[in-house]
């Protein structure tokens, strides 16, 4: 709204400047005519005041008849009107072009912002997966390695590993994790394989159903 008001004000200011220029030009022409009349009065030995007295009705009618625009004058006036309309249309066209350019620049800016946000979201998802799964998988592999090397301690360490995984999976946001369409199905399949291989329950039934339903 403010931009439109500023544009209207700018357009009116331009018109006022044009009118002021025309007024000054007309004023100069009037001064020239007045000077010529004074010279005519002086050469005719008639006072300027006498020359400027009200003319007779007959003279006025003749003047009005002579002042009526002929075909050429009419064409000139029409051309002036046409030029004014062309200038007005040109001004409006320039303003519209400027507005379209501004909208295009804003669109590009919004598009770049969306791309940047998507990139940041993908980065956050990668970090989340690494922190909650890949790094934990390294820890689990280490525990499993220890179990293989120390079979005597397997009965003590295995329940700890299972408990740790169960606690970790309770805190997982499966909706967020499912956004990674490439790695998510593999993670769910690995959990199911561990359950089947070791006869354990890393996920509660409700969480497992939710995890399966999010696979695309």
C-alpha atoms as a PDB file:
ATOM      1  CA  UNK A   1       0.000   0.000   0.000  1.00  0.00           C
ATOM      2  CA  UNK A   2       2.790   2.445   0.896  1.00  0.00           C
ATOM      3  CA  UNK A   3       4.655   1.565  -2.317  1.00  0.00           C
ATOM      4  CA  UNK A   4       1.562   2.326  -4.393  1.00  0.00           C
ATOM      5  CA  UNK A   5       1.078   5.633  -2.597  1.00  0.00           C
ATOM      6  CA  UNK A   6       4.721   6.538  -3.259  1.00  0.00           C
ATOM      7  CA  UNK A   7       4.325   5.687  -6.951  1.00  0.00           C
ATOM      8  CA  UNK A   8       1.182   7.828  -7.213  1.00  0.00           C
ATOM      9  CA  UNK A   9       2.913  10.692  -5.435  1.00  0.00           C
ATOM     10  CA  UNK A  10       5.899  10.408  -7.781  1.00  0.00           C
ATOM     11  CA  UNK A  11       3.605  10.450 -10.824  1.00  0.00           C
ATOM     12  CA  UNK A  12       1.715  13.508  -9.517  1.00  0.00           C
ATOM     13  CA  UNK A  13       5.030  15.244  -8.801  1.00  0.00           C
ATOM     14  CA  UNK A  14       6.113  14.675 -12.396  1.00  0.00           C
ATOM     15  CA  UNK A  15       2.820  16.088 -13.672  1.00  0.00           C
ATOM     16  CA  UNK A  16       3.195  19.125 -11.397  1.00  0.00           C
ATOM     17  CA  UNK A  17       6.722  19.705 -12.694  1.00  0.00           C
ATOM     18  CA  UNK A  18       5.449  19.526 -16.291  1.00  0.00           C
ATOM     19  CA  UNK A  19       2.567  21.904 -15.537  1.00  0.00           C
ATOM     20  CA  UNK A  20       4.954  24.333 -13.833  1.00  0.00           C
ATOM     21  CA  UNK A  21       7.198  24.330 -16.897  1.00  0.00           C
ATOM     22  CA  UNK A  22       4.201  24.947 -19.177  1.00  0.00           C
ATOM     23  CA  UNK A  23       2.951  27.733 -16.909  1.00  0.00           C
ATOM     24  CA  UNK A  24       6.307  29.488 -17.023  1.00  0.00           C
ATOM     25  CA  UNK A  25       6.402  29.134 -20.801  1.00  0.00           C
ATOM     26  CA  UNK A  26       2.878  30.571 -21.108  1.00  0.00           C
ATOM     27  CA  UNK A  27       3.796  33.382 -18.765  1.00  0.00           C
ATOM     28  CA  UNK A  28       6.763  34.291 -20.946  1.00  0.00           C
ATOM     29  CA  UNK A  29       4.534  34.318 -24.029  1.00  0.00           C
ATOM     30  CA  UNK A  30       2.021  36.546 -22.209  1.00  0.00           C
ATOM     31  CA  UNK A  31       4.787  38.978 -21.292  1.00  0.00           C
ATOM     32  CA  UNK A  32       5.903  39.063 -24.928  1.00  0.00           C
ATOM     33  CA  UNK A  33       2.347  39.820 -26.088  1.00  0.00           C
ATOM     34  CA  UNK A  34       2.017  42.564 -23.490  1.00  0.00           C
ATOM     35  CA  UNK A  35       5.290  44.099 -24.687  1.00  0.00           C
ATOM     36  CA  UNK A  36       4.103  43.987 -28.312  1.00  0.00           C
ATOM     37  CA  UNK A  37       0.807  45.647 -27.358  1.00  0.00           C
ATOM     38  CA  UNK A  38       2.668  48.446 -25.629  1.00  0.00           C
ATOM     39  CA  UNK A  39       4.771  48.965 -28.764  1.00  0.00           C
ATOM     40  CA  UNK A  40       1.636  49.003 -30.947  1.00  0.00           C
ATOM     41  CA  UNK A  41      -0.004  51.517 -28.611  1.00  0.00           C
ATOM     42  CA  UNK A  42       3.059  53.720 -28.729  1.00  0.00           C
ATOM     43  CA  UNK A  43       3.301  53.586 -32.517  1.00  0.00           C
ATOM     44  CA  UNK A  44      -0.451  54.252 -32.909  1.00  0.00           C
ATOM     45  CA  UNK A  45      -0.368  57.172 -30.468  1.00  0.00           C
ATOM     46  CA  UNK A  46      -2.954  55.357 -28.342  1.00  0.00           C
ATOM     47  CA  UNK A  47      -2.447  54.822 -24.647  1.00  0.00           C
ATOM     48  CA  UNK A  48      -1.887  51.252 -23.503  1.00  0.00           C
ATOM     49  CA  UNK A  49      -4.850  51.561 -21.112  1.00  0.00           C
ATOM     50  CA  UNK A  50      -7.094  52.663 -24.007  1.00  0.00           C
ATOM     51  CA  UNK A  51      -5.857  49.790 -26.109  1.00  0.00           C
ATOM     52  CA  UNK A  52      -6.630  47.415 -23.259  1.00  0.00           C
ATOM     53  CA  UNK A  53     -10.243  48.555 -22.795  1.00  0.00           C
ATOM     54  CA  UNK A  54     -13.081  46.115 -23.292  1.00  0.00           C
ATOM     55  CA  UNK A  55     -13.740  45.462 -26.970  1.00  0.00           C
ATOM     56  CA  UNK A  56     -17.134  45.637 -28.596  1.00  0.00           C
ATOM     57  CA  UNK A  57     -19.374  42.607 -28.883  1.00  0.00           C
ATOM     58  CA  UNK A  58     -18.960  42.558 -32.657  1.00  0.00           C
ATOM     59  CA  UNK A  59     -15.175  42.544 -32.371  1.00  0.00           C
ATOM     60  CA  UNK A  60     -15.355  39.825 -29.715  1.00  0.00           C
ATOM     61  CA  UNK A  61     -17.518  37.626 -31.932  1.00  0.00           C
ATOM     62  CA  UNK A  62     -15.118  38.052 -34.836  1.00  0.00           C
ATOM     63  CA  UNK A  63     -12.211  37.152 -32.559  1.00  0.00           C
ATOM     64  CA  UNK A  64     -13.994  34.063 -31.251  1.00  0.00           C
ATOM     65  CA  UNK A  65     -14.733  33.003 -34.805  1.00  0.00           C
ATOM     66  CA  UNK A  66     -11.088  33.389 -35.744  1.00  0.00           C
ATOM     67  CA  UNK A  67     -10.070  31.545 -32.565  1.00  0.00           C
ATOM     68  CA  UNK A  68     -12.117  28.470 -33.377  1.00  0.00           C
ATOM     69  CA  UNK A  69      -9.689  25.587 -34.026  1.00  0.00           C
ATOM     70  CA  UNK A  70      -9.456  24.522 -37.632  1.00  0.00           C
ATOM     71  CA  UNK A  71      -8.717  21.003 -38.819  1.00  0.00           C
ATOM     72  CA  UNK A  72      -4.964  21.421 -38.376  1.00  0.00           C
ATOM     73  CA  UNK A  73      -5.361  22.771 -34.827  1.00  0.00           C
ATOM     74  CA  UNK A  74      -7.673  19.880 -33.979  1.00  0.00           C
ATOM     75  CA  UNK A  75      -5.130  17.355 -35.287  1.00  0.00           C
ATOM     76  CA  UNK A  76      -2.351  19.038 -33.306  1.00  0.00           C
ATOM     77  CA  UNK A  77      -4.420  18.916 -30.089  1.00  0.00           C
ATOM     78  CA  UNK A  78      -5.297  15.275 -30.700  1.00  0.00           C
ATOM     79  CA  UNK A  79      -1.614  14.487 -31.231  1.00  0.00           C
ATOM     80  CA  UNK A  80      -0.750  16.209 -27.959  1.00  0.00           C
ATOM     81  CA  UNK A  81      -3.415  14.131 -26.180  1.00  0.00           C
ATOM     82  CA  UNK A  82      -2.053  10.981 -27.791  1.00  0.00           C
ATOM     83  CA  UNK A  83       1.500  11.832 -26.731  1.00  0.00           C
ATOM     84  CA  UNK A  84       0.296  12.378 -23.173  1.00  0.00           C
ATOM     85  CA  UNK A  85      -1.429   8.978 -23.146  1.00  0.00           C
ATOM     86  CA  UNK A  86       1.692   7.314 -24.573  1.00  0.00           C
ATOM     87  CA  UNK A  87       3.848   8.886 -21.848  1.00  0.00           C
ATOM     88  CA  UNK A  88       1.361   7.776 -19.220  1.00  0.00           C
ATOM     89  CA  UNK A  89       1.344   4.194 -20.555  1.00  0.00           C
ATOM     90  CA  UNK A  90       5.146   4.185 -20.709  1.00  0.00           C
ATOM     91  CA  UNK A  91       5.350   5.304 -17.092  1.00  0.00           C
ATOM     92  CA  UNK A  92       2.902   2.591 -15.994  1.00  0.00           C
ATOM     93  CA  UNK A  93       4.773  -0.033 -18.061  1.00  0.00           C
ATOM     94  CA  UNK A  94       8.085   0.905 -16.417  1.00  0.00           C
ATOM     95  CA  UNK A  95       6.523   0.649 -12.965  1.00  0.00           C
ATOM     96  CA  UNK A  96       5.010  -2.760 -13.761  1.00  0.00           C
ATOM     97  CA  UNK A  97       8.341  -3.998 -15.162  1.00  0.00           C
ATOM     98  CA  UNK A  98      10.088  -2.832 -12.005  1.00  0.00           C
ATOM     99  CA  UNK A  99       7.491  -4.626  -9.867  1.00  0.00           C
ATOM    100  CA  UNK A 100       7.843  -7.872 -11.862  1.00  0.00           C
ATOM    101  CA  UNK A 101      11.634  -7.691 -11.524  1.00  0.00           C
ATOM    102  CA  UNK A 102      11.308  -7.174  -7.778  1.00  0.00           C
ATOM    103  CA  UNK A 103       8.942 -10.167  -7.462  1.00  0.00           C
ATOM    104  CA  UNK A 104      11.354 -12.324  -9.500  1.00  0.00           C
ATOM    105  CA  UNK A 105      14.243 -11.367  -7.212  1.00  0.00           C
ATOM    106  CA  UNK A 106      12.164 -12.222  -4.126  1.00  0.00           C
ATOM    107  CA  UNK A 107      11.205 -15.564  -5.689  1.00  0.00           C
ATOM    108  CA  UNK A 108      14.859 -16.454  -6.325  1.00  0.00           C
ATOM    109  CA  UNK A 109      15.699 -15.457  -2.754  1.00  0.00           C
ATOM    110  CA  UNK A 110      12.904 -17.670  -1.351  1.00  0.00           C
ATOM    111  CA  UNK A 111      13.988 -20.560  -3.614  1.00  0.00           C
ATOM    112  CA  UNK A 112      17.574 -20.305  -2.383  1.00  0.00           C
ATOM    113  CA  UNK A 113      16.342 -20.159   1.218  1.00  0.00           C
ATOM    114  CA  UNK A 114      14.287 -23.354   0.738  1.00  0.00           C
ATOM    115  CA  UNK A 115      17.305 -25.124  -0.798  1.00  0.00           C
ATOM    116  CA  UNK A 116      19.487 -24.027   2.100  1.00  0.00           C
ATOM    117  CA  UNK A 117      16.931 -25.226   4.662  1.00  0.00           C
ATOM    118  CA  UNK A 118      16.636 -28.596   2.894  1.00  0.00           C
ATOM    119  CA  UNK A 119      20.417 -28.968   2.905  1.00  0.00           C
ATOM    120  CA  UNK A 120      20.587 -28.141   6.626  1.00  0.00           C
ATOM    121  CA  UNK A 121      17.757 -30.592   7.359  1.00  0.00           C
ATOM    122  CA  UNK A 122      19.567 -33.362   5.460  1.00  0.00           C
ATOM    123  CA  UNK A 123      22.741 -32.577   7.400  1.00  0.00           C
ATOM    124  CA  UNK A 124      20.828 -32.732  10.700  1.00  0.00           C
ATOM    125  CA  UNK A 125      19.325 -36.078   9.678  1.00  0.00           C
ATOM    126  CA  UNK A 126      22.760 -37.493   8.815  1.00  0.00           C
ATOM    127  CA  UNK A 127      24.114 -36.329  12.175  1.00  0.00           C
ATOM    128  CA  UNK A 128      21.113 -37.825  13.973  1.00  0.00           C
ATOM    129  CA  UNK A 129      21.564 -41.199  12.278  1.00  0.00           C
ATOM    130  CA  UNK A 130      25.276 -41.243  12.990  1.00  0.00           C
ATOM    131  CA  UNK A 131      24.930 -40.236  16.637  1.00  0.00           C
ATOM    132  CA  UNK A 132      22.050 -42.624  17.369  1.00  0.00           C
ATOM    133  CA  UNK A 133      22.816 -45.616  15.167  1.00  0.00           C
ATOM    134  CA  UNK A 134      26.132 -45.692  13.357  1.00  0.00           C
ATOM    135  CA  UNK A 135      28.188 -44.714  16.414  1.00  0.00           C
ATOM    136  CA  UNK A 136      26.137 -47.087  18.566  1.00  0.00           C
ATOM    137  CA  UNK A 137      26.697 -49.830  15.999  1.00  0.00           C
ATOM    138  CA  UNK A 138      30.451 -49.362  16.441  1.00  0.00           C
ATOM    139  CA  UNK A 139      30.019 -49.726  20.209  1.00  0.00           C
ATOM    140  CA  UNK A 140      27.860 -52.815  19.719  1.00  0.00           C
ATOM    141  CA  UNK A 141      30.449 -54.369  17.383  1.00  0.00           C
ATOM    142  CA  UNK A 142      33.085 -53.732  20.023  1.00  0.00           C
ATOM    143  CA  UNK A 143      30.941 -55.443  22.660  1.00  0.00           C
ATOM    144  CA  UNK A 144      30.250 -58.373  20.349  1.00  0.00           C
ATOM    145  CA  UNK A 145      33.971 -58.627  19.633  1.00  0.00           C
ATOM    146  CA  UNK A 146      34.671 -58.769  23.336  1.00  0.00           C
ATOM    147  CA  UNK A 147      32.016 -61.442  23.718  1.00  0.00           C
ATOM    148  CA  UNK A 148      33.663 -63.599  21.063  1.00  0.00           C
ATOM    149  CA  UNK A 149      37.094 -63.176  22.655  1.00  0.00           C
ATOM    150  CA  UNK A 150      35.813 -63.732  26.161  1.00  0.00           C
ATOM    151  CA  UNK A 151      33.241 -66.456  25.922  1.00  0.00           C
ATOM    152  CA  UNK A 152      33.290 -66.895  29.652  1.00  0.00           C
ATOM    153  CA  UNK A 153      31.941 -63.387  30.146  1.00  0.00           C
ATOM    154  CA  UNK A 154      29.230 -63.625  27.479  1.00  0.00           C
ATOM    155  CA  UNK A 155      26.514 -64.397  29.982  1.00  0.00           C
ATOM    156  CA  UNK A 156      27.356 -61.187  31.867  1.00  0.00           C
ATOM    157  CA  UNK A 157      27.947 -58.762  28.955  1.00  0.00           C
ATOM    158  CA  UNK A 158      25.179 -59.785  26.536  1.00  0.00           C
ATOM    159  CA  UNK A 159      22.284 -58.666  28.764  1.00  0.00           C
ATOM    160  CA  UNK A 160      24.017 -55.298  29.199  1.00  0.00           C
ATOM    161  CA  UNK A 161      24.285 -54.850  25.442  1.00  0.00           C
ATOM    162  CA  UNK A 162      20.644 -55.798  24.923  1.00  0.00           C
ATOM    163  CA  UNK A 163      19.489 -53.472  27.706  1.00  0.00           C
ATOM    164  CA  UNK A 164      21.527 -50.599  26.259  1.00  0.00           C
ATOM    165  CA  UNK A 165      20.011 -51.114  22.807  1.00  0.00           C
ATOM    166  CA  UNK A 166      16.482 -51.365  24.211  1.00  0.00           C
ATOM    167  CA  UNK A 167      16.928 -48.087  26.085  1.00  0.00           C
ATOM    168  CA  UNK A 168      18.367 -46.418  22.996  1.00  0.00           C
ATOM    169  CA  UNK A 169      15.482 -47.530  20.738  1.00  0.00           C
ATOM    170  CA  UNK A 170      12.891 -46.180  23.191  1.00  0.00           C
ATOM    171  CA  UNK A 171      14.224 -42.662  22.565  1.00  0.00           C
ATOM    172  CA  UNK A 172      14.278 -42.914  18.762  1.00  0.00           C
ATOM    173  CA  UNK A 173      12.023 -40.598  16.718  1.00  0.00           C
ATOM    174  CA  UNK A 174      10.994 -43.067  14.013  1.00  0.00           C
ATOM    175  CA  UNK A 175       9.198 -40.417  11.956  1.00  0.00           C
ATOM    176  CA  UNK A 176      12.404 -38.381  11.700  1.00  0.00           C
ATOM    177  CA  UNK A 177      14.533 -41.436  11.001  1.00  0.00           C
ATOM    178  CA  UNK A 178      12.168 -42.578   8.212  1.00  0.00           C
ATOM    179  CA  UNK A 179      13.068 -39.439   6.237  1.00  0.00           C
ATOM    180  CA  UNK A 180      16.275 -41.234   5.189  1.00  0.00           C
ATOM    181  CA  UNK A 181      14.580 -43.527   2.657  1.00  0.00           C
ATOM    182  CA  UNK A 182      17.829 -45.280   1.668  1.00  0.00           C
ATOM    183  CA  UNK A 183      19.194 -46.377   5.060  1.00  0.00           C
ATOM    184  CA  UNK A 184      15.979 -46.626   7.085  1.00  0.00           C
ATOM    185  CA  UNK A 185      14.705 -49.993   5.715  1.00  0.00           C
ATOM    186  CA  UNK A 186      18.173 -51.514   6.286  1.00  0.00           C
ATOM    187  CA  UNK A 187      18.173 -50.373   9.936  1.00  0.00           C
ATOM    188  CA  UNK A 188      14.736 -51.905  10.590  1.00  0.00           C
ATOM    189  CA  UNK A 189      15.788 -55.175   8.906  1.00  0.00           C
ATOM    190  CA  UNK A 190      18.961 -55.373  11.025  1.00  0.00           C
ATOM    191  CA  UNK A 191      16.917 -54.955  14.208  1.00  0.00           C
ATOM    192  CA  UNK A 192      14.572 -57.768  13.145  1.00  0.00           C
ATOM    193  CA  UNK A 193      17.524 -60.050  12.312  1.00  0.00           C
ATOM    194  CA  UNK A 194      19.068 -59.443  15.744  1.00  0.00           C
ATOM    195  CA  UNK A 195      15.743 -60.272  17.385  1.00  0.00           C
ATOM    196  CA  UNK A 196      15.445 -63.518  15.421  1.00  0.00           C
ATOM    197  CA  UNK A 197      19.095 -64.540  15.808  1.00  0.00           C
ATOM    198  CA  UNK A 198      19.411 -63.955  19.552  1.00  0.00           C
ATOM    199  CA  UNK A 199      15.743 -64.600  20.448  1.00  0.00           C
ATOM    200  CA  UNK A 200      15.419 -61.157  22.016  1.00  0.00           C
ATOM    201  CA  UNK A 201      13.098 -58.123  21.803  1.00  0.00           C
ATOM    202  CA  UNK A 202      15.058 -54.936  21.097  1.00  0.00           C
ATOM    203  CA  UNK A 203      11.835 -53.083  20.248  1.00  0.00           C
ATOM    204  CA  UNK A 204       8.467 -53.134  21.904  1.00  0.00           C
ATOM    205  CA  UNK A 205       5.709 -54.473  19.643  1.00  0.00           C
ATOM    206  CA  UNK A 206       4.164 -50.998  19.273  1.00  0.00           C
ATOM    207  CA  UNK A 207       7.469 -49.397  18.251  1.00  0.00           C
ATOM    208  CA  UNK A 208       8.258 -52.235  15.828  1.00  0.00           C
ATOM    209  CA  UNK A 209       4.861 -51.873  14.122  1.00  0.00           C
ATOM    210  CA  UNK A 210       5.395 -48.123  13.777  1.00  0.00           C
ATOM    211  CA  UNK A 211       8.902 -48.617  12.373  1.00  0.00           C
ATOM    212  CA  UNK A 212       7.635 -51.122   9.762  1.00  0.00           C
ATOM    213  CA  UNK A 213       4.716 -48.899   8.731  1.00  0.00           C
ATOM    214  CA  UNK A 214       7.078 -46.023   7.880  1.00  0.00           C
ATOM    215  CA  UNK A 215       9.077 -48.040   5.325  1.00  0.00           C
ATOM    216  CA  UNK A 216       8.363 -46.629   1.834  1.00  0.00           C
END
